[in-house]
């Protein structure tokens, strides 16, 4: 499950991913992971929980700097509202969370991974030289299905006025369905 970023922030991070992430390993666009694994058999409950906690407006994020991942680089973010949303979701899902998802949440967007430490240090130095903190927005929740390499977007819950709530159900070949719940 990821956070949908505003268009400009997503485009900036996704361009960096395409430039610096090893192409053979880059199966997903730039993203901010909220949970790495959720039980697929509970998808209806997961989507209901997402609709229940989705805020009425975008969530503000502060992009504060760069983080070394040892063999990669990520942009660090802070957002007390996002931390609260994630914690609220983690409570009812605690029984099914993996150890990785039970760890502390440190929001970030990885733009390079699985390279040599030297390559990672060089990119971090390059990006740090031109970096200025900026504000981004989270605009919704996205649920993905893993396809043994690539990923498929399964559902999106937008952050908007809660009544009615819209859920976008993505299907193969770019088609999607929008359902409005009243």
C-alpha atoms as a PDB file:
ATOM      1  CA  UNK A   1       0.000   0.000   0.000  1.00  0.00           C
ATOM      2  CA  UNK A   2       1.387   3.373  -0.995  1.00  0.00           C
ATOM      3  CA  UNK A   3       0.544   7.030  -0.603  1.00  0.00           C
ATOM      4  CA  UNK A   4      -0.515   8.745  -3.826  1.00  0.00           C
ATOM      5  CA  UNK A   5       1.680  11.824  -4.198  1.00  0.00           C
ATOM      6  CA  UNK A   6       0.675  15.088  -5.871  1.00  0.00           C
ATOM      7  CA  UNK A   7       1.420  15.208  -9.602  1.00  0.00           C
ATOM      8  CA  UNK A   8       4.503  17.471  -9.465  1.00  0.00           C
ATOM      9  CA  UNK A   9       6.188  15.602  -6.606  1.00  0.00           C
ATOM     10  CA  UNK A  10       5.450  12.244  -8.190  1.00  0.00           C
ATOM     11  CA  UNK A  11       6.893  13.395 -11.545  1.00  0.00           C
ATOM     12  CA  UNK A  12      10.068  14.677  -9.860  1.00  0.00           C
ATOM     13  CA  UNK A  13      10.677  11.467  -7.905  1.00  0.00           C
ATOM     14  CA  UNK A  14       9.678   9.182 -10.763  1.00  0.00           C
ATOM     15  CA  UNK A  15      12.131  10.903 -13.135  1.00  0.00           C
ATOM     16  CA  UNK A  16      14.910  10.336 -10.583  1.00  0.00           C
ATOM     17  CA  UNK A  17      13.906   6.664 -10.242  1.00  0.00           C
ATOM     18  CA  UNK A  18      14.029   6.147 -13.995  1.00  0.00           C
ATOM     19  CA  UNK A  19      17.449   7.833 -14.148  1.00  0.00           C
ATOM     20  CA  UNK A  20      19.098   6.148 -11.152  1.00  0.00           C
ATOM     21  CA  UNK A  21      17.353   2.879 -10.286  1.00  0.00           C
ATOM     22  CA  UNK A  22      18.727  -0.190 -12.127  1.00  0.00           C
ATOM     23  CA  UNK A  23      16.292  -0.605 -15.038  1.00  0.00           C
ATOM     24  CA  UNK A  24      16.033  -4.399 -14.730  1.00  0.00           C
ATOM     25  CA  UNK A  25      14.886  -4.002 -11.107  1.00  0.00           C
ATOM     26  CA  UNK A  26      12.606  -0.989 -11.515  1.00  0.00           C
ATOM     27  CA  UNK A  27       9.126  -2.558 -11.603  1.00  0.00           C
ATOM     28  CA  UNK A  28       7.178   0.215  -9.870  1.00  0.00           C
ATOM     29  CA  UNK A  29       6.954   3.978 -10.239  1.00  0.00           C
ATOM     30  CA  UNK A  30       8.236   6.261  -7.489  1.00  0.00           C
ATOM     31  CA  UNK A  31       6.231   5.667  -4.319  1.00  0.00           C
ATOM     32  CA  UNK A  32       5.999   6.194  -0.588  1.00  0.00           C
ATOM     33  CA  UNK A  33       5.274   2.817   0.991  1.00  0.00           C
ATOM     34  CA  UNK A  34       2.834   2.788   3.896  1.00  0.00           C
ATOM     35  CA  UNK A  35       2.661  -1.028   4.249  1.00  0.00           C
ATOM     36  CA  UNK A  36       4.711  -3.643   2.410  1.00  0.00           C
ATOM     37  CA  UNK A  37       2.258  -6.516   2.730  1.00  0.00           C
ATOM     38  CA  UNK A  38      -1.439  -6.693   3.593  1.00  0.00           C
ATOM     39  CA  UNK A  39      -3.566  -9.846   3.653  1.00  0.00           C
ATOM     40  CA  UNK A  40      -5.240 -10.140   0.245  1.00  0.00           C
ATOM     41  CA  UNK A  41      -8.061 -12.239   1.653  1.00  0.00           C
ATOM     42  CA  UNK A  42      -9.103  -9.188   3.724  1.00  0.00           C
ATOM     43  CA  UNK A  43      -9.161  -6.733   0.835  1.00  0.00           C
ATOM     44  CA  UNK A  44     -12.781  -5.649   1.429  1.00  0.00           C
ATOM     45  CA  UNK A  45     -12.004  -4.834   5.072  1.00  0.00           C
ATOM     46  CA  UNK A  46      -8.775  -3.053   4.086  1.00  0.00           C
ATOM     47  CA  UNK A  47     -10.642  -0.866   1.595  1.00  0.00           C
ATOM     48  CA  UNK A  48     -13.390  -0.137   4.130  1.00  0.00           C
ATOM     49  CA  UNK A  49     -10.753   0.869   6.695  1.00  0.00           C
ATOM     50  CA  UNK A  50      -9.086   3.141   4.132  1.00  0.00           C
ATOM     51  CA  UNK A  51     -12.378   4.867   3.335  1.00  0.00           C
ATOM     52  CA  UNK A  52     -13.086   5.293   7.050  1.00  0.00           C
ATOM     53  CA  UNK A  53      -9.818   7.095   7.817  1.00  0.00           C
ATOM     54  CA  UNK A  54      -9.226   8.957   4.524  1.00  0.00           C
ATOM     55  CA  UNK A  55      -8.980  12.660   5.350  1.00  0.00           C
ATOM     56  CA  UNK A  56     -11.149  15.263   3.630  1.00  0.00           C
ATOM     57  CA  UNK A  57      -8.087  17.047   2.222  1.00  0.00           C
ATOM     58  CA  UNK A  58      -4.576  16.244   1.057  1.00  0.00           C
ATOM     59  CA  UNK A  59      -1.967  15.459   3.711  1.00  0.00           C
ATOM     60  CA  UNK A  60       1.012  17.799   3.790  1.00  0.00           C
ATOM     61  CA  UNK A  61       4.494  16.273   3.713  1.00  0.00           C
ATOM     62  CA  UNK A  62       7.799  18.030   4.309  1.00  0.00           C
ATOM     63  CA  UNK A  63      10.600  16.658   2.137  1.00  0.00           C
ATOM     64  CA  UNK A  64      13.488  17.306   4.511  1.00  0.00           C
ATOM     65  CA  UNK A  65      16.612  15.738   3.031  1.00  0.00           C
ATOM     66  CA  UNK A  66      18.294  12.665   1.642  1.00  0.00           C
ATOM     67  CA  UNK A  67      19.017   9.360   3.354  1.00  0.00           C
ATOM     68  CA  UNK A  68      21.680   6.828   2.513  1.00  0.00           C
ATOM     69  CA  UNK A  69      20.370   3.301   2.183  1.00  0.00           C
ATOM     70  CA  UNK A  70      23.876   1.878   1.916  1.00  0.00           C
ATOM     71  CA  UNK A  71      23.253   0.623  -1.605  1.00  0.00           C
ATOM     72  CA  UNK A  72      20.777   3.357  -2.553  1.00  0.00           C
ATOM     73  CA  UNK A  73      19.351   6.798  -1.832  1.00  0.00           C
ATOM     74  CA  UNK A  74      15.968   8.010  -0.587  1.00  0.00           C
ATOM     75  CA  UNK A  75      14.293  11.344   0.067  1.00  0.00           C
ATOM     76  CA  UNK A  76      13.233  11.645   3.713  1.00  0.00           C
ATOM     77  CA  UNK A  77       9.873  13.097   4.666  1.00  0.00           C
ATOM     78  CA  UNK A  78       8.124  14.182   7.815  1.00  0.00           C
ATOM     79  CA  UNK A  79       4.385  14.456   8.325  1.00  0.00           C
ATOM     80  CA  UNK A  80       2.701  14.105  11.717  1.00  0.00           C
ATOM     81  CA  UNK A  81      -0.732  13.738  10.026  1.00  0.00           C
ATOM     82  CA  UNK A  82       0.565  10.904   7.820  1.00  0.00           C
ATOM     83  CA  UNK A  83       2.167   9.208  10.822  1.00  0.00           C
ATOM     84  CA  UNK A  84      -1.192   9.375  12.632  1.00  0.00           C
ATOM     85  CA  UNK A  85      -3.099   7.978   9.635  1.00  0.00           C
ATOM     86  CA  UNK A  86      -0.688   5.062   9.300  1.00  0.00           C
ATOM     87  CA  UNK A  87      -0.835   4.294  13.031  1.00  0.00           C
ATOM     88  CA  UNK A  88      -4.648   4.381  12.905  1.00  0.00           C
ATOM     89  CA  UNK A  89      -4.611   1.838  10.068  1.00  0.00           C
ATOM     90  CA  UNK A  90      -1.965  -0.375  11.685  1.00  0.00           C
ATOM     91  CA  UNK A  91      -4.046  -0.968  14.835  1.00  0.00           C
ATOM     92  CA  UNK A  92      -6.848  -3.040  13.283  1.00  0.00           C
ATOM     93  CA  UNK A  93      -4.401  -4.756  10.914  1.00  0.00           C
ATOM     94  CA  UNK A  94      -1.810  -5.630  13.586  1.00  0.00           C
ATOM     95  CA  UNK A  95      -2.602  -9.371  13.461  1.00  0.00           C
ATOM     96  CA  UNK A  96      -1.653  -9.597   9.789  1.00  0.00           C
ATOM     97  CA  UNK A  97       1.307  -7.208   9.573  1.00  0.00           C
ATOM     98  CA  UNK A  98       4.750  -8.513   8.706  1.00  0.00           C
ATOM     99  CA  UNK A  99       7.692  -7.746  11.006  1.00  0.00           C
ATOM    100  CA  UNK A 100       8.811  -5.109   8.475  1.00  0.00           C
ATOM    101  CA  UNK A 101       5.437  -3.351   8.740  1.00  0.00           C
ATOM    102  CA  UNK A 102       5.459  -3.533  12.545  1.00  0.00           C
ATOM    103  CA  UNK A 103       8.726  -1.574  12.692  1.00  0.00           C
ATOM    104  CA  UNK A 104       8.767   2.173  13.132  1.00  0.00           C
ATOM    105  CA  UNK A 105       7.468   4.144  10.157  1.00  0.00           C
ATOM    106  CA  UNK A 106       9.988   6.464   8.491  1.00  0.00           C
ATOM    107  CA  UNK A 107       8.361   7.990   5.394  1.00  0.00           C
ATOM    108  CA  UNK A 108      10.645   8.159   2.363  1.00  0.00           C
ATOM    109  CA  UNK A 109      10.759   7.754  -1.394  1.00  0.00           C
ATOM    110  CA  UNK A 110      13.588   5.596  -2.694  1.00  0.00           C
ATOM    111  CA  UNK A 111      15.064   6.869  -5.977  1.00  0.00           C
ATOM    112  CA  UNK A 112      17.981   4.434  -6.154  1.00  0.00           C
ATOM    113  CA  UNK A 113      18.584   0.966  -4.684  1.00  0.00           C
ATOM    114  CA  UNK A 114      20.621  -2.184  -5.248  1.00  0.00           C
ATOM    115  CA  UNK A 115      23.679  -0.369  -6.638  1.00  0.00           C
ATOM    116  CA  UNK A 116      27.228  -0.341  -5.313  1.00  0.00           C
ATOM    117  CA  UNK A 117      27.882   1.709  -2.164  1.00  0.00           C
ATOM    118  CA  UNK A 118      30.136   3.958  -4.257  1.00  0.00           C
ATOM    119  CA  UNK A 119      27.341   4.689  -6.755  1.00  0.00           C
ATOM    120  CA  UNK A 120      24.938   5.408  -3.900  1.00  0.00           C
ATOM    121  CA  UNK A 121      27.371   7.788  -2.179  1.00  0.00           C
ATOM    122  CA  UNK A 122      27.961   9.631  -5.467  1.00  0.00           C
ATOM    123  CA  UNK A 123      24.225  10.095  -6.122  1.00  0.00           C
ATOM    124  CA  UNK A 124      23.558  11.219  -2.549  1.00  0.00           C
ATOM    125  CA  UNK A 125      26.338  13.816  -2.843  1.00  0.00           C
ATOM    126  CA  UNK A 126      24.989  15.002  -6.209  1.00  0.00           C
ATOM    127  CA  UNK A 127      21.382  15.306  -4.994  1.00  0.00           C
ATOM    128  CA  UNK A 128      22.381  16.868  -1.660  1.00  0.00           C
ATOM    129  CA  UNK A 129      24.344  19.632  -3.417  1.00  0.00           C
ATOM    130  CA  UNK A 130      21.172  20.950  -5.113  1.00  0.00           C
ATOM    131  CA  UNK A 131      18.635  20.029  -2.433  1.00  0.00           C
ATOM    132  CA  UNK A 132      16.296  22.517  -0.774  1.00  0.00           C
ATOM    133  CA  UNK A 133      13.493  21.283   1.509  1.00  0.00           C
ATOM    134  CA  UNK A 134      10.065  21.444  -0.072  1.00  0.00           C
ATOM    135  CA  UNK A 135       6.432  20.643   0.620  1.00  0.00           C
ATOM    136  CA  UNK A 136       4.577  17.794  -1.062  1.00  0.00           C
ATOM    137  CA  UNK A 137       1.050  16.424  -0.696  1.00  0.00           C
ATOM    138  CA  UNK A 138      -0.371  12.971  -0.211  1.00  0.00           C
ATOM    139  CA  UNK A 139      -3.655  12.746  -2.097  1.00  0.00           C
ATOM    140  CA  UNK A 140      -4.842   9.196  -1.496  1.00  0.00           C
ATOM    141  CA  UNK A 141      -4.136   5.573  -0.674  1.00  0.00           C
ATOM    142  CA  UNK A 142      -3.136   3.091  -3.378  1.00  0.00           C
ATOM    143  CA  UNK A 143      -3.404  -0.687  -3.096  1.00  0.00           C
ATOM    144  CA  UNK A 144      -1.114  -2.779  -5.297  1.00  0.00           C
ATOM    145  CA  UNK A 145      -0.941  -6.458  -6.214  1.00  0.00           C
ATOM    146  CA  UNK A 146       2.465  -8.063  -6.698  1.00  0.00           C
ATOM    147  CA  UNK A 147       2.879  -9.942  -9.986  1.00  0.00           C
ATOM    148  CA  UNK A 148       6.252 -11.623  -9.342  1.00  0.00           C
ATOM    149  CA  UNK A 149       8.207  -8.578 -10.513  1.00  0.00           C
ATOM    150  CA  UNK A 150       5.852  -5.884 -11.769  1.00  0.00           C
ATOM    151  CA  UNK A 151       2.947  -4.548  -9.725  1.00  0.00           C
ATOM    152  CA  UNK A 152      -0.677  -3.818 -10.668  1.00  0.00           C
ATOM    153  CA  UNK A 153      -2.671  -0.972  -9.161  1.00  0.00           C
ATOM    154  CA  UNK A 154      -5.801  -2.582  -7.725  1.00  0.00           C
ATOM    155  CA  UNK A 155      -7.588   0.263  -5.934  1.00  0.00           C
ATOM    156  CA  UNK A 156      -7.214   3.897  -5.021  1.00  0.00           C
ATOM    157  CA  UNK A 157      -8.987   5.776  -2.237  1.00  0.00           C
ATOM    158  CA  UNK A 158      -8.768   9.531  -2.764  1.00  0.00           C
ATOM    159  CA  UNK A 159      -8.461  11.998   0.096  1.00  0.00           C
ATOM    160  CA  UNK A 160     -11.583  14.057  -0.411  1.00  0.00           C
ATOM    161  CA  UNK A 161     -14.909  14.849   1.168  1.00  0.00           C
ATOM    162  CA  UNK A 162     -16.088  11.602   2.734  1.00  0.00           C
ATOM    163  CA  UNK A 163     -19.657  11.645   1.558  1.00  0.00           C
ATOM    164  CA  UNK A 164     -19.845  10.333  -1.071  1.00  0.00           C
ATOM    165  CA  UNK A 165     -16.538   8.432  -1.177  1.00  0.00           C
ATOM    166  CA  UNK A 166     -15.045   7.404  -4.473  1.00  0.00           C
ATOM    167  CA  UNK A 167     -12.950   4.309  -4.998  1.00  0.00           C
ATOM    168  CA  UNK A 168     -11.201   3.730  -8.290  1.00  0.00           C
ATOM    169  CA  UNK A 169     -10.901   0.054  -9.144  1.00  0.00           C
ATOM    170  CA  UNK A 170      -8.183  -0.451 -11.735  1.00  0.00           C
ATOM    171  CA  UNK A 171      -8.403  -3.296 -14.182  1.00  0.00           C
ATOM    172  CA  UNK A 172      -5.990  -4.633 -16.829  1.00  0.00           C
ATOM    173  CA  UNK A 173      -5.376  -2.725 -20.062  1.00  0.00           C
ATOM    174  CA  UNK A 174      -5.824   0.704 -18.481  1.00  0.00           C
ATOM    175  CA  UNK A 175      -9.579   0.414 -17.913  1.00  0.00           C
ATOM    176  CA  UNK A 176     -10.977   1.358 -14.560  1.00  0.00           C
ATOM    177  CA  UNK A 177     -14.240   1.548 -12.769  1.00  0.00           C
ATOM    178  CA  UNK A 178     -15.270   4.327 -10.402  1.00  0.00           C
ATOM    179  CA  UNK A 179     -17.715   3.436  -7.654  1.00  0.00           C
ATOM    180  CA  UNK A 180     -19.352   6.075  -5.515  1.00  0.00           C
ATOM    181  CA  UNK A 181     -20.461   4.936  -2.094  1.00  0.00           C
ATOM    182  CA  UNK A 182     -23.248   6.835  -0.374  1.00  0.00           C
END
